[in-house]
Amino acid sequence: AFSDHVGYSTIIVFCLFSGPSQKKLYRYNIIGFFPTTQCSFINLYLDYNAVPDAEEIAGYYEGDMMLSTRQKIGLRSRNGLRSEKYHWPGAEVPYELSPKLSEHEKTYIRRAMNKIQKVSCVKFRKKKDSDISYVYVTNFASGCFSKVGFGRGKRVVNLHSKGSHSGGCFRIGTIMHEFLHVLGFYHMQSAADRDDYVDIKWDNIKPKAKKNFRKYSDTYVTHFGEKYDYNSILHYGKNVFTSNGRPTIIPKDPTAKIGQRTHLSMGDIRRINKMFMRSGISYNSEIVSIGSLAEIEMIQ
């Protein structure tokens, strides 16, 4: 069923593949790739701008990124380094889950990590005693936030489940958003070329939040040759940090929807793989070639 409901739209495709009882469920975001089978379509609409989001309330850089002093200087300057020292060695990410997290929350976190692993060369594994650098997932503070990239010691990802802000942080897409930060990625809407793709409505932004809309230095942050991606899971929604309920970010493409938190876009997938390919790690080229035809996510 199709409608004009405002919000992010996805198409769910139910397909029966050849072979013994192989039922697969795919989510498509554009029409362009279809398996050789008969499929039925259901259009779903979600609105991610209806209520304040937990990613906004933590109070860090752009709401949810905990940056080191060196990273902050690099973002402000024109001679910052796009350094591989912030990439996890061997695309391997040790992690530890706080004992304060419930088993239900731990299950959500593992599902999010698995979705990233499934479409990339990144491998998450449980922390060993010998690991000096690792991701520590906890819920000690309000909001959703994360350290950015590899670094010595504990790289905190905070996922708070309480409060009225969109049900806390425990949406699979929100967890993946924070994990992309800890892999080394920044927000899409502050890319150096963002003014070619979105209009920032400064008069609608909370005064203390205007610093969160500065653009990155393109000599410090790279998108690995990928174009601006409205559909990125790292793109904020249109009403982020609004002071008056009006949009703060408006796409120049009137058909574009921003702020989805359901899946990795194909651009997200390519950027993850290109990041670690540059470090000498192989990646799943079949996934990338499929995605050039349509953005696709396997749903278990």
Protein backbone atom coordinates (compact mmCIF):
# COMPACT_ATOMS: atom_id res chain seq x y z
CA ALA A 1 0.00 0.00 0.00
CA PHE A 2 1.39 3.40 -0.96
CA SER A 3 0.61 6.75 0.63
CA ASP A 4 1.84 10.33 0.94
CA HIS A 5 2.63 10.01 4.65
CA VAL A 6 5.58 12.20 5.60
CA GLY A 7 8.61 10.20 6.68
CA TYR A 8 11.26 7.82 5.48
CA SER A 9 9.95 5.14 3.16
CA THR A 10 11.25 1.66 2.54
CA ILE A 11 10.00 -1.17 0.43
CA ILE A 12 9.88 -4.63 1.96
CA VAL A 13 10.26 -7.43 -0.55
CA PHE A 14 9.27 -11.00 0.22
CA CYS A 15 11.00 -13.43 -2.13
CA LEU A 16 11.15 -17.18 -2.58
CA PHE A 17 14.49 -18.23 -4.06
CA SER A 18 15.20 -21.42 -5.96
CA GLY A 19 16.50 -24.25 -3.82
CA PRO A 20 15.20 -26.16 -0.84
CA SER A 21 12.94 -23.85 1.20
CA GLN A 22 15.19 -20.79 1.02
CA LYS A 23 13.00 -17.89 2.11
CA LYS A 24 14.72 -14.51 2.17
CA LEU A 25 13.46 -11.10 3.23
CA TYR A 26 15.12 -8.04 1.72
CA ARG A 27 14.63 -4.34 2.34
CA TYR A 28 15.05 -2.09 -0.70
CA ASN A 29 15.29 1.67 -0.66
CA ILE A 30 15.22 2.20 -4.40
CA ILE A 31 13.82 0.03 -7.14
CA GLY A 32 16.49 -1.27 -9.47
CA PHE A 33 17.63 -4.74 -8.42
CA PHE A 34 15.34 -7.73 -8.31
CA PRO A 35 16.30 -11.36 -7.71
CA THR A 36 15.16 -13.80 -10.39
CA THR A 37 11.95 -14.65 -8.57
CA GLN A 38 8.43 -13.41 -7.95
CA CYS A 39 8.17 -10.83 -5.18
CA SER A 40 5.37 -9.01 -3.41
CA PHE A 41 5.83 -5.47 -2.13
CA ILE A 42 4.67 -3.65 0.97
CA ASN A 43 5.59 0.01 1.37
CA LEU A 44 6.35 1.14 4.93
CA TYR A 45 6.69 4.72 6.15
CA LEU A 46 8.49 5.87 9.25
CA ASP A 47 8.82 9.39 10.61
CA TYR A 48 12.08 9.99 12.47
CA ASN A 49 11.49 13.71 13.03
CA ALA A 50 8.38 13.44 15.18
CA VAL A 51 10.09 13.62 18.60
CA PRO A 52 13.48 14.72 19.96
CA ASP A 53 16.12 12.05 19.48
CA ALA A 54 18.40 10.57 22.12
CA GLU A 55 21.40 11.27 19.86
CA GLU A 56 20.92 15.00 20.49
CA ILE A 57 20.83 15.11 24.25
CA ALA A 58 24.26 13.83 25.33
CA GLY A 59 25.91 17.24 24.88
CA TYR A 60 29.04 16.16 22.99
CA TYR A 61 30.32 17.31 19.58
CA GLU A 62 27.31 17.28 17.23
CA GLY A 63 25.40 15.68 20.07
CA ASP A 64 26.86 12.18 20.13
CA MET A 65 30.59 12.21 19.28
CA MET A 66 33.28 12.22 21.97
CA LEU A 67 36.32 13.75 20.23
CA SER A 68 39.88 14.00 21.47
CA THR A 69 41.59 17.42 21.53
CA ARG A 70 43.60 16.42 18.46
CA GLN A 71 40.46 15.42 16.57
CA LYS A 72 38.76 18.73 17.42
CA ILE A 73 41.78 20.70 16.16
CA GLY A 74 41.87 18.62 12.99
CA LEU A 75 38.22 19.32 12.21
CA ARG A 76 38.70 23.07 12.60
CA SER A 77 41.92 23.36 10.63
CA ARG A 78 42.67 23.06 6.94
CA ASN A 79 45.81 21.00 7.50
CA GLY A 80 44.42 18.20 9.63
CA LEU A 81 45.50 14.67 8.84
CA ARG A 82 43.26 11.92 7.44
CA SER A 83 45.22 9.38 9.42
CA GLU A 84 44.91 5.62 9.37
CA LYS A 85 45.91 5.60 13.03
CA TYR A 86 42.19 6.02 13.77
CA HIS A 87 41.36 2.84 11.81
CA TRP A 88 41.07 -0.39 13.78
CA PRO A 89 44.06 -2.61 12.91
CA GLY A 90 43.13 -5.53 10.72
CA ALA A 91 39.48 -4.38 10.76
CA GLU A 92 39.17 -6.30 14.04
CA VAL A 93 37.27 -4.63 16.87
CA PRO A 94 37.43 -6.15 20.36
CA TYR A 95 34.44 -5.27 22.53
CA GLU A 96 33.15 -5.65 26.05
CA LEU A 97 29.55 -5.21 27.19
CA SER A 98 28.91 -3.62 30.56
CA PRO A 99 27.35 -5.94 33.15
CA LYS A 100 24.81 -3.16 33.77
CA LEU A 101 23.24 -3.82 30.37
CA SER A 102 20.25 -6.15 30.37
CA GLU A 103 20.30 -9.36 28.35
CA HIS A 104 17.69 -7.83 26.04
CA GLU A 105 19.93 -4.81 25.43
CA LYS A 106 22.96 -7.04 24.84
CA THR A 107 20.99 -8.95 22.23
CA TYR A 108 20.20 -5.71 20.38
CA ILE A 109 23.86 -4.69 20.45
CA ARG A 110 25.01 -8.04 19.07
CA ARG A 111 22.40 -7.85 16.32
CA ALA A 112 23.66 -4.41 15.31
CA MET A 113 27.27 -5.59 15.23
CA ASN A 114 26.26 -8.61 13.19
CA LYS A 115 24.53 -6.44 10.60
CA ILE A 116 27.73 -4.42 10.14
CA GLN A 117 29.87 -7.57 9.92
CA LYS A 118 27.55 -9.14 7.37
CA VAL A 119 28.20 -6.44 4.76
CA SER A 120 31.81 -5.55 5.49
CA CYS A 121 35.25 -6.81 6.37
CA VAL A 122 34.85 -5.57 9.97
CA LYS A 123 34.93 -8.29 12.61
CA PHE A 124 33.76 -7.70 16.16
CA ARG A 125 35.03 -10.12 18.80
CA LYS A 126 34.92 -10.33 22.57
CA LYS A 127 37.74 -8.54 24.36
CA LYS A 128 40.71 -10.60 25.53
CA ASP A 129 42.77 -9.79 28.62
CA SER A 130 45.66 -8.88 26.31
CA ASP A 131 43.65 -6.25 24.38
CA ILE A 132 44.76 -2.71 25.21
CA SER A 133 42.32 -0.97 22.85
CA TYR A 134 38.71 -2.06 22.76
CA VAL A 135 35.10 -0.85 22.56
CA TYR A 136 33.26 -0.71 25.86
CA VAL A 137 29.48 -0.54 25.51
CA THR A 138 27.68 0.84 28.54
CA ASN A 139 24.67 2.88 29.67
CA PHE A 140 26.14 5.10 32.40
CA ALA A 141 24.79 8.43 31.10
CA SER A 142 21.78 9.89 29.30
CA GLY A 143 21.74 9.87 25.52
CA CYS A 144 23.54 7.94 22.80
CA PHE A 145 27.19 8.82 22.14
CA SER A 146 30.52 7.32 21.19
CA LYS A 147 34.23 7.87 20.89
CA VAL A 148 35.34 8.27 17.27
CA GLY A 149 37.76 5.79 15.75
CA PHE A 150 40.54 3.63 17.11
CA GLY A 151 42.57 4.81 20.07
CA ARG A 152 44.50 3.54 23.02
CA GLY A 153 42.42 2.20 25.88
CA LYS A 154 38.67 2.00 26.32
CA ARG A 155 36.57 3.44 23.45
CA VAL A 156 33.22 4.12 25.08
CA VAL A 157 29.88 3.67 23.34
CA ASN A 158 27.03 4.81 25.59
CA LEU A 159 23.52 3.55 24.86
CA HIS A 160 20.96 4.73 27.38
CA SER A 161 17.63 2.97 27.35
CA LYS A 162 15.59 5.17 29.67
CA GLY A 163 13.74 8.41 29.02
CA SER A 164 11.15 9.65 26.57
CA HIS A 165 13.55 10.43 23.73
CA SER A 166 12.48 8.04 20.97
CA GLY A 167 12.61 5.10 23.36
CA GLY A 168 16.24 5.69 24.24
CA CYS A 169 19.08 4.34 22.11
CA PHE A 170 17.89 0.79 21.59
CA ARG A 171 16.89 0.89 17.95
CA ILE A 172 19.13 -1.29 15.78
CA GLY A 173 19.82 1.64 13.45
CA THR A 174 20.77 3.97 16.30
CA ILE A 175 23.19 1.38 17.67
CA MET A 176 24.74 0.95 14.20
CA HIS A 177 25.00 4.76 13.94
CA GLU A 178 27.07 4.89 17.13
CA PHE A 179 29.19 1.91 16.09
CA LEU A 180 30.04 3.64 12.81
CA HIS A 181 31.38 6.52 14.90
CA VAL A 182 33.59 4.17 16.88
CA LEU A 183 34.80 2.68 13.58
CA GLY A 184 35.98 6.18 12.63
CA PHE A 185 33.12 7.86 10.76
CA TYR A 186 31.69 11.35 11.26
CA HIS A 187 28.25 12.76 10.43
CA MET A 188 27.26 13.15 6.80
CA GLN A 189 25.53 16.54 7.10
CA SER A 190 28.76 18.30 8.12
CA ALA A 191 30.79 17.13 5.11
CA ALA A 192 32.88 19.76 3.33
CA ASP A 193 30.55 19.72 0.29
CA ARG A 194 27.29 19.65 2.24
CA ASP A 195 26.17 23.11 1.04
CA ASP A 196 25.78 21.64 -2.45
CA TYR A 197 23.20 19.21 -1.09
CA VAL A 198 21.44 20.71 1.94
CA ASP A 199 20.46 24.13 3.25
CA ILE A 200 21.20 24.79 6.92
CA LYS A 201 18.50 26.98 8.49
CA TRP A 202 20.58 28.79 11.09
CA ASP A 203 17.66 30.82 12.46
CA ASN A 204 15.92 27.60 13.49
CA ILE A 205 18.87 26.13 15.42
CA LYS A 206 19.23 26.36 19.18
CA PRO A 207 21.90 29.03 19.83
CA LYS A 208 24.17 26.72 21.81
CA ALA A 209 23.87 24.01 19.14
CA LYS A 210 25.00 26.09 16.16
CA LYS A 211 28.57 24.89 16.65
CA ASN A 212 27.32 21.41 15.77
CA PHE A 213 26.62 22.51 12.19
CA ARG A 214 30.17 23.49 11.26
CA LYS A 215 31.60 21.77 8.21
CA TYR A 216 34.51 19.35 8.42
CA SER A 217 37.87 20.01 6.86
CA ASP A 218 38.09 17.81 3.77
CA THR A 219 41.80 17.43 4.43
CA TYR A 220 41.02 15.73 7.76
CA VAL A 221 37.87 13.72 7.12
CA THR A 222 37.42 11.63 3.99
CA HIS A 223 34.37 9.96 2.49
CA PHE A 224 36.62 7.68 0.41
CA GLY A 225 35.44 9.00 -2.94
CA GLU A 226 31.76 8.43 -2.22
CA LYS A 227 29.22 11.13 -3.05
CA TYR A 228 27.06 12.91 -0.49
CA ASP A 229 24.54 10.41 0.84
CA TYR A 230 21.10 11.62 1.96
CA ASN A 231 20.25 8.05 2.91
CA SER A 232 23.26 7.50 5.18
CA ILE A 233 22.56 6.21 8.67
CA LEU A 234 25.00 8.95 9.73
CA HIS A 235 22.83 11.77 8.36
CA TYR A 236 20.79 13.64 10.95
CA GLY A 237 17.10 14.31 10.49
CA LYS A 238 15.56 17.55 9.29
CA ASN A 239 14.61 18.86 12.75
CA VAL A 240 17.81 18.11 14.63
CA PHE A 241 18.61 20.73 17.33
CA THR A 242 15.57 22.80 16.33
CA SER A 243 14.69 25.76 18.54
CA ASN A 244 11.19 26.30 17.19
CA GLY A 245 9.98 23.02 15.68
CA ARG A 246 10.94 24.11 12.17
CA PRO A 247 13.49 22.26 10.00
CA THR A 248 17.18 22.92 10.54
CA ILE A 249 18.38 20.86 7.57
CA ILE A 250 16.53 20.91 4.23
CA PRO A 251 17.70 18.72 1.33
CA LYS A 252 18.12 20.56 -1.97
CA ASP A 253 16.69 17.47 -3.62
CA PRO A 254 12.97 17.78 -2.77
CA THR A 255 12.51 14.01 -3.03
CA ALA A 256 15.27 13.19 -0.52
CA LYS A 257 14.52 11.92 2.97
CA ILE A 258 17.13 12.28 5.70
CA GLY A 259 17.65 10.87 9.17
CA GLN A 260 16.72 7.21 8.67
CA ARG A 261 17.76 4.82 11.44
CA THR A 262 16.77 1.45 10.01
CA HIS A 263 19.74 0.25 7.96
CA LEU A 264 23.15 0.99 6.51
CA SER A 265 22.85 2.70 3.15
CA MET A 266 24.89 1.32 0.28
CA GLY A 267 27.10 4.40 0.58
CA ASP A 268 27.69 3.53 4.24
CA ILE A 269 28.63 -0.02 3.27
CA ARG A 270 31.05 1.14 0.58
CA ARG A 271 32.69 3.67 2.91
CA ILE A 272 33.24 1.06 5.61
CA ASN A 273 34.83 -1.35 3.16
CA LYS A 274 36.92 1.33 1.46
CA MET A 275 38.26 2.53 4.82
CA PHE A 276 39.73 -0.86 5.63
CA MET A 277 40.63 -1.72 2.03
CA ARG A 278 42.99 1.28 2.14
CA SER A 279 44.61 -0.39 5.14
CA GLY A 280 45.21 -3.56 3.14
CA ILE A 281 42.09 -5.51 4.17
CA SER A 282 39.99 -7.26 1.52
CA TYR A 283 36.25 -6.62 1.34
CA ASN A 284 33.17 -8.23 -0.12
CA SER A 285 33.10 -6.82 -3.66
CA GLU A 286 29.93 -8.78 -4.51
CA ILE A 287 27.95 -6.81 -1.94
CA VAL A 288 29.27 -3.53 -3.31
CA SER A 289 28.41 -4.46 -6.91
CA ILE A 290 24.88 -5.48 -5.91
CA GLY A 291 24.48 -2.22 -4.07
CA SER A 292 25.38 -0.22 -7.16
CA LEU A 293 22.00 -1.33 -8.53
CA ALA A 294 19.93 -0.97 -5.39
CA GLU A 295 20.48 -0.38 -1.70
CA ILE A 296 19.84 -3.69 -0.07
CA GLU A 297 19.97 -5.14 3.39
CA MET A 298 19.50 -8.78 4.24
CA ILE A 299 17.19 -9.13 7.21
CA GLN A 300 17.55 -12.31 9.24
